[in-house]
Every structure is written in structure tokens, then in C-alpha cells.
C-alpha atoms as a PDB file:
ATOM      1  CA  UNK A   1      23.179 -11.707 -10.107  1.00  0.00           C
ATOM      2  CA  UNK A   2      20.904  -9.185 -11.744  1.00  0.00           C
ATOM      3  CA  UNK A   3      17.506  -8.582 -10.251  1.00  0.00           C
ATOM      4  CA  UNK A   4      14.907  -6.514 -12.059  1.00  0.00           C
ATOM      5  CA  UNK A   5      11.322  -6.202 -10.946  1.00  0.00           C
ATOM      6  CA  UNK A   6       8.607  -6.763 -13.531  1.00  0.00           C
ATOM      7  CA  UNK A   7       6.873  -3.584 -14.742  1.00  0.00           C
ATOM      8  CA  UNK A   8       3.718  -4.383 -12.755  1.00  0.00           C
ATOM      9  CA  UNK A   9       5.709  -4.596  -9.517  1.00  0.00           C
ATOM     10  CA  UNK A  10       7.544  -1.358 -10.274  1.00  0.00           C
ATOM     11  CA  UNK A  11       4.198   0.360 -10.871  1.00  0.00           C
ATOM     12  CA  UNK A  12       2.812  -0.811  -7.522  1.00  0.00           C
ATOM     13  CA  UNK A  13       6.008   0.210  -5.734  1.00  0.00           C
ATOM     14  CA  UNK A  14       5.873   3.681  -7.275  1.00  0.00           C
ATOM     15  CA  UNK A  15       2.169   4.147  -6.502  1.00  0.00           C
ATOM     16  CA  UNK A  16       2.599   3.098  -2.864  1.00  0.00           C
ATOM     17  CA  UNK A  17       5.692   5.280  -2.431  1.00  0.00           C
ATOM     18  CA  UNK A  18       3.873   8.316  -3.836  1.00  0.00           C
ATOM     19  CA  UNK A  19       0.873   7.608  -1.628  1.00  0.00           C
ATOM     20  CA  UNK A  20       3.078   7.337   1.450  1.00  0.00           C
ATOM     21  CA  UNK A  21       4.895  10.565   0.647  1.00  0.00           C
ATOM     22  CA  UNK A  22       1.719  12.502  -0.204  1.00  0.00           C
ATOM     23  CA  UNK A  23      -0.805  11.126   2.284  1.00  0.00           C
ATOM     24  CA  UNK A  24       0.989   9.451   5.192  1.00  0.00           C
ATOM     25  CA  UNK A  25       4.171  11.447   5.728  1.00  0.00           C
ATOM     26  CA  UNK A  26       2.383  14.766   6.382  1.00  0.00           C
ATOM     27  CA  UNK A  27       0.255  13.256   9.181  1.00  0.00           C
ATOM     28  CA  UNK A  28       2.569  10.542  10.481  1.00  0.00           C
ATOM     29  CA  UNK A  29       3.703  12.463  13.552  1.00  0.00           C
ATOM     30  CA  UNK A  30       0.124  13.391  14.471  1.00  0.00           C
ATOM     31  CA  UNK A  31      -0.940   9.748  14.192  1.00  0.00           C
ATOM     32  CA  UNK A  32       1.953   8.753  16.420  1.00  0.00           C
ATOM     33  CA  UNK A  33       1.362  11.531  18.959  1.00  0.00           C
ATOM     34  CA  UNK A  34      -2.361  10.766  19.163  1.00  0.00           C
ATOM     35  CA  UNK A  35      -1.735   6.992  19.295  1.00  0.00           C
ATOM     36  CA  UNK A  36      -4.556   6.415  16.841  1.00  0.00           C
ATOM     37  CA  UNK A  37      -5.226   3.918  14.087  1.00  0.00           C
ATOM     38  CA  UNK A  38      -5.637   5.843  10.806  1.00  0.00           C
ATOM     39  CA  UNK A  39      -8.567   3.927   9.316  1.00  0.00           C
ATOM     40  CA  UNK A  40      -8.926   6.547   6.591  1.00  0.00           C
ATOM     41  CA  UNK A  41      -5.456   5.666   5.310  1.00  0.00           C
ATOM     42  CA  UNK A  42      -6.384   2.004   5.015  1.00  0.00           C
ATOM     43  CA  UNK A  43      -9.567   2.925   3.163  1.00  0.00           C
ATOM     44  CA  UNK A  44      -7.486   4.908   0.680  1.00  0.00           C
ATOM     45  CA  UNK A  45      -5.019   2.044   0.275  1.00  0.00           C
ATOM     46  CA  UNK A  46      -7.973  -0.207  -0.478  1.00  0.00           C
ATOM     47  CA  UNK A  47      -9.029   2.194  -3.214  1.00  0.00           C
ATOM     48  CA  UNK A  48      -5.521   1.857  -4.678  1.00  0.00           C
ATOM     49  CA  UNK A  49      -6.026  -1.937  -4.748  1.00  0.00           C
ATOM     50  CA  UNK A  50      -2.924  -2.693  -2.721  1.00  0.00           C
ATOM     51  CA  UNK A  51      -4.396  -4.067   0.503  1.00  0.00           C
ATOM     52  CA  UNK A  52      -5.236  -7.558  -0.756  1.00  0.00           C
ATOM     53  CA  UNK A  53      -2.380  -8.180  -3.179  1.00  0.00           C
ATOM     54  CA  UNK A  54      -0.983 -11.379  -1.613  1.00  0.00           C
ATOM     55  CA  UNK A  55      -4.420 -12.781  -0.697  1.00  0.00           C
ATOM     56  CA  UNK A  56      -5.854 -15.446  -2.974  1.00  0.00           C
ATOM     57  CA  UNK A  57      -8.791 -14.295  -5.095  1.00  0.00           C
ATOM     58  CA  UNK A  58     -11.048 -16.980  -3.650  1.00  0.00           C
ATOM     59  CA  UNK A  59     -10.707 -15.197  -0.287  1.00  0.00           C
ATOM     60  CA  UNK A  60     -11.420 -11.762  -1.755  1.00  0.00           C
ATOM     61  CA  UNK A  61      -7.856 -10.713  -2.455  1.00  0.00           C
ATOM     62  CA  UNK A  62      -6.118  -9.788  -5.673  1.00  0.00           C
ATOM     63  CA  UNK A  63      -4.206 -13.036  -6.044  1.00  0.00           C
ATOM     64  CA  UNK A  64      -0.876 -11.335  -6.650  1.00  0.00           C
ATOM     65  CA  UNK A  65       2.442 -12.805  -5.760  1.00  0.00           C
ATOM     66  CA  UNK A  66       4.420 -11.740  -2.765  1.00  0.00           C
END
């Protein structure tokens, strides 16, 4: 069975991976050590339009598939 993601899914995967490597990885240990919720990270993910992907548009999401 061959499984290939559509281009749109590959783009999202790449963007999120790059974000995680560039923005989260460098501060991950500090977040863990300080036992804090990194609200600024979630704000940035919202700017990337990835927070509401599986949420229906009528509820304010992007209406993407899961």
C-alpha cells in the first residue's frame, strides 16, 4: 500500500516541524524546568494558522481534515 500525503498536508507538516525546531526546541528544557505553560508559543502557532485546523469553520476553525 502506498501512502502519499497531499501537497497541502506536506506543507503544514514542514511548517510545523520548522517552527518546532526553531522556536520550541531551544526553550523546551526551560519550559519544562519552570513548569510553565508557554502561551507565547500558542500565539505564534495561531499566527501560522495551525491551531484550528480540525475545527469546523462554523466554530471558528479552519475546517481542515484530520
